[in-house]
Amino acid sequence: MRKIVEKKILPKSFDAVIHDKKKFEICKDEDDLRIGDAVILKEWNGEKYTGREVGRNIVYILRDAPEYGLMPGYVIFGW
């Protein structure tokens, strides 16, 4: 079943996402993300949400890949 997950993202990364320069995110693997899920990236300036947000559909997941330097408990997801 598809789910929608909200994630914080810093302004520099947020700008890269909305300008299609960044198409992935790395985060703690705490939401059981799956291909087909939607993520709402909410800009966070370190103290509060700025009000800017963008939605993306997950098309790629990488987890359990220490051979690529991905620490246990983390996931990379792409859109």
N, C-alpha and C. Protein backbone atom coordinates (compact mmCIF):
# COMPACT_ATOMS: atom_id res chain seq x y z
N MET A 1 0.84 -1.19 0.00
CA MET A 1 0.00 0.00 0.00
C MET A 1 0.88 1.25 0.00
N ARG A 2 0.60 2.17 -0.88
CA ARG A 2 1.38 3.40 -0.99
C ARG A 2 1.16 4.28 0.23
N LYS A 3 2.24 4.90 0.68
CA LYS A 3 2.10 5.83 1.80
C LYS A 3 2.78 7.15 1.44
N ILE A 4 2.47 8.16 2.22
CA ILE A 4 3.06 9.49 2.07
C ILE A 4 3.86 9.77 3.33
N VAL A 5 5.13 10.13 3.15
CA VAL A 5 6.03 10.38 4.28
C VAL A 5 6.57 11.80 4.17
N GLU A 6 6.61 12.51 5.29
CA GLU A 6 7.18 13.86 5.32
C GLU A 6 8.60 13.79 5.87
N LYS A 7 9.52 14.52 5.21
CA LYS A 7 10.92 14.57 5.63
C LYS A 7 11.41 16.01 5.64
N LYS A 8 12.26 16.33 6.62
CA LYS A 8 12.92 17.64 6.66
C LYS A 8 14.04 17.65 5.61
N ILE A 9 14.27 18.84 5.04
CA ILE A 9 15.38 19.01 4.10
C ILE A 9 15.93 20.43 4.28
N LEU A 10 17.24 20.56 4.29
CA LEU A 10 17.87 21.87 4.47
C LEU A 10 17.74 22.72 3.20
N PRO A 11 17.77 24.05 3.35
CA PRO A 11 17.55 24.94 2.20
C PRO A 11 18.45 24.68 0.99
N LYS A 12 19.73 24.44 1.19
CA LYS A 12 20.64 24.19 0.06
C LYS A 12 20.19 22.96 -0.73
N SER A 13 19.84 21.90 -0.03
CA SER A 13 19.37 20.69 -0.69
C SER A 13 18.00 20.89 -1.31
N PHE A 14 17.13 21.63 -0.63
CA PHE A 14 15.79 21.90 -1.16
C PHE A 14 15.89 22.63 -2.50
N ASP A 15 16.74 23.64 -2.57
CA ASP A 15 16.91 24.38 -3.82
C ASP A 15 17.39 23.47 -4.94
N ALA A 16 18.31 22.56 -4.64
CA ALA A 16 18.80 21.63 -5.65
C ALA A 16 17.69 20.69 -6.12
N VAL A 17 16.81 20.29 -5.22
CA VAL A 17 15.69 19.42 -5.58
C VAL A 17 14.72 20.15 -6.51
N ILE A 18 14.32 21.36 -6.15
CA ILE A 18 13.31 22.04 -6.97
C ILE A 18 13.86 22.48 -8.33
N HIS A 19 15.19 22.54 -8.46
CA HIS A 19 15.80 22.87 -9.75
C HIS A 19 16.29 21.61 -10.48
N ASP A 20 15.83 20.44 -10.03
CA ASP A 20 16.16 19.14 -10.65
C ASP A 20 17.65 18.85 -10.73
N LYS A 21 18.41 19.34 -9.77
CA LYS A 21 19.84 19.02 -9.70
C LYS A 21 20.12 17.90 -8.72
N LYS A 22 19.19 17.66 -7.80
CA LYS A 22 19.33 16.59 -6.82
C LYS A 22 18.09 15.72 -6.93
N LYS A 23 18.31 14.40 -7.09
CA LYS A 23 17.20 13.48 -7.30
C LYS A 23 17.23 12.31 -6.32
N PHE A 24 17.83 12.54 -5.15
CA PHE A 24 17.91 11.50 -4.14
C PHE A 24 18.04 12.13 -2.76
N GLU A 25 17.83 11.33 -1.74
CA GLU A 25 18.03 11.79 -0.36
C GLU A 25 18.54 10.59 0.45
N ILE A 26 19.35 10.86 1.44
CA ILE A 26 19.86 9.86 2.37
C ILE A 26 19.28 10.20 3.73
N CYS A 27 18.75 9.20 4.42
CA CYS A 27 18.18 9.45 5.75
C CYS A 27 18.17 8.16 6.57
N LYS A 28 17.86 8.30 7.84
CA LYS A 28 17.70 7.12 8.68
C LYS A 28 16.55 6.29 8.13
N ASP A 29 16.73 4.99 8.17
CA ASP A 29 15.74 4.06 7.62
C ASP A 29 14.69 3.77 8.69
N GLU A 30 13.82 4.75 8.93
CA GLU A 30 12.84 4.64 10.01
C GLU A 30 11.40 4.65 9.52
N ASP A 31 11.19 4.79 8.20
CA ASP A 31 9.83 4.90 7.67
C ASP A 31 9.43 3.73 6.78
N ASP A 32 10.30 2.71 6.64
CA ASP A 32 10.03 1.56 5.78
C ASP A 32 9.61 2.02 4.39
N LEU A 33 10.39 2.94 3.82
CA LEU A 33 10.09 3.47 2.50
C LEU A 33 10.14 2.36 1.46
N ARG A 34 9.27 2.45 0.46
CA ARG A 34 9.17 1.48 -0.63
C ARG A 34 9.00 2.22 -1.95
N ILE A 35 9.41 1.58 -3.04
CA ILE A 35 9.16 2.12 -4.36
C ILE A 35 7.66 2.34 -4.52
N GLY A 36 7.29 3.51 -5.02
CA GLY A 36 5.89 3.85 -5.19
C GLY A 36 5.36 4.75 -4.09
N ASP A 37 6.06 4.81 -2.94
CA ASP A 37 5.65 5.73 -1.88
C ASP A 37 5.90 7.16 -2.34
N ALA A 38 5.24 8.10 -1.70
CA ALA A 38 5.45 9.53 -1.98
C ALA A 38 6.14 10.15 -0.77
N VAL A 39 7.02 11.09 -1.04
CA VAL A 39 7.70 11.81 0.03
C VAL A 39 7.43 13.30 -0.16
N ILE A 40 7.11 13.96 0.95
CA ILE A 40 6.96 15.41 0.97
C ILE A 40 8.21 15.96 1.65
N LEU A 41 9.02 16.67 0.89
CA LEU A 41 10.24 17.27 1.43
C LEU A 41 9.90 18.68 1.90
N LYS A 42 10.05 18.89 3.21
CA LYS A 42 9.67 20.17 3.83
C LYS A 42 10.95 20.91 4.22
N GLU A 43 11.12 22.10 3.67
CA GLU A 43 12.33 22.87 3.94
C GLU A 43 12.41 23.25 5.41
N TRP A 44 13.57 22.97 6.03
CA TRP A 44 13.83 23.20 7.44
C TRP A 44 15.12 24.00 7.54
N ASN A 45 15.08 25.16 8.16
CA ASN A 45 16.27 26.02 8.21
C ASN A 45 17.14 25.79 9.44
N GLY A 46 16.88 24.73 10.17
CA GLY A 46 17.66 24.42 11.37
C GLY A 46 16.93 24.79 12.65
N GLU A 47 15.93 25.66 12.51
CA GLU A 47 15.14 26.09 13.67
C GLU A 47 13.65 25.88 13.47
N LYS A 48 13.21 26.05 12.21
CA LYS A 48 11.77 25.94 11.92
C LYS A 48 11.57 25.62 10.45
N TYR A 49 10.35 25.19 10.13
CA TYR A 49 9.97 24.98 8.73
C TYR A 49 9.77 26.33 8.08
N THR A 50 10.19 26.46 6.81
CA THR A 50 10.08 27.73 6.10
C THR A 50 8.72 27.89 5.41
N GLY A 51 8.00 26.80 5.24
CA GLY A 51 6.73 26.84 4.53
C GLY A 51 6.83 26.31 3.11
N ARG A 52 8.08 26.15 2.62
CA ARG A 52 8.25 25.59 1.27
C ARG A 52 8.31 24.07 1.37
N GLU A 53 7.65 23.42 0.43
CA GLU A 53 7.69 21.96 0.39
C GLU A 53 7.47 21.51 -1.04
N VAL A 54 7.91 20.29 -1.31
CA VAL A 54 7.79 19.70 -2.64
C VAL A 54 7.55 18.20 -2.48
N GLY A 55 6.72 17.65 -3.34
CA GLY A 55 6.43 16.22 -3.30
C GLY A 55 7.15 15.48 -4.42
N ARG A 56 7.57 14.28 -4.14
CA ARG A 56 8.23 13.42 -5.13
C ARG A 56 7.77 11.98 -4.90
N ASN A 57 7.73 11.19 -5.98
CA ASN A 57 7.40 9.77 -5.90
C ASN A 57 8.69 8.96 -5.93
N ILE A 58 8.82 8.02 -5.03
CA ILE A 58 10.04 7.22 -4.92
C ILE A 58 10.07 6.17 -6.03
N VAL A 59 11.18 6.15 -6.78
CA VAL A 59 11.36 5.17 -7.85
C VAL A 59 12.57 4.26 -7.62
N TYR A 60 13.38 4.57 -6.57
CA TYR A 60 14.57 3.78 -6.30
C TYR A 60 14.85 3.77 -4.81
N ILE A 61 15.25 2.61 -4.30
CA ILE A 61 15.60 2.46 -2.87
C ILE A 61 16.91 1.69 -2.79
N LEU A 62 17.83 2.16 -1.94
CA LEU A 62 19.06 1.42 -1.66
C LEU A 62 19.22 1.37 -0.14
N ARG A 63 19.28 0.15 0.38
CA ARG A 63 19.54 -0.05 1.81
C ARG A 63 20.39 -1.29 1.96
N ASP A 64 20.94 -1.47 3.15
CA ASP A 64 21.80 -2.63 3.43
C ASP A 64 22.91 -2.77 2.39
N ALA A 65 23.65 -1.71 2.18
CA ALA A 65 24.72 -1.72 1.18
C ALA A 65 26.01 -1.13 1.74
N PRO A 66 26.59 -1.77 2.77
CA PRO A 66 27.83 -1.23 3.35
C PRO A 66 28.99 -1.22 2.35
N GLU A 67 28.92 -2.08 1.34
CA GLU A 67 29.99 -2.10 0.33
C GLU A 67 30.05 -0.80 -0.47
N TYR A 68 28.98 0.00 -0.42
CA TYR A 68 28.95 1.30 -1.07
C TYR A 68 29.09 2.45 -0.07
N GLY A 69 29.39 2.12 1.19
CA GLY A 69 29.58 3.14 2.21
C GLY A 69 28.32 3.57 2.92
N LEU A 70 27.22 2.89 2.65
CA LEU A 70 25.96 3.23 3.31
C LEU A 70 25.93 2.58 4.69
N MET A 71 25.90 3.40 5.72
CA MET A 71 25.93 2.88 7.09
C MET A 71 24.66 2.09 7.40
N PRO A 72 24.79 1.07 8.25
CA PRO A 72 23.59 0.32 8.66
C PRO A 72 22.57 1.27 9.29
N GLY A 73 21.31 1.04 8.99
CA GLY A 73 20.24 1.88 9.55
C GLY A 73 19.92 3.09 8.70
N TYR A 74 20.55 3.23 7.53
CA TYR A 74 20.29 4.35 6.63
C TYR A 74 19.79 3.84 5.28
N VAL A 75 19.11 4.72 4.56
CA VAL A 75 18.54 4.38 3.25
C VAL A 75 18.78 5.56 2.31
N ILE A 76 18.99 5.23 1.03
CA ILE A 76 19.01 6.24 -0.02
C ILE A 76 17.76 6.00 -0.85
N PHE A 77 17.00 7.06 -1.09
CA PHE A 77 15.85 6.92 -1.97
C PHE A 77 15.93 7.96 -3.07
N GLY A 78 15.47 7.57 -4.26
CA GLY A 78 15.55 8.45 -5.42
C GLY A 78 14.20 8.63 -6.07
N TRP A 79 14.07 9.71 -6.83
CA TRP A 79 12.82 10.02 -7.53
C TRP A 79 13.11 10.41 -8.96
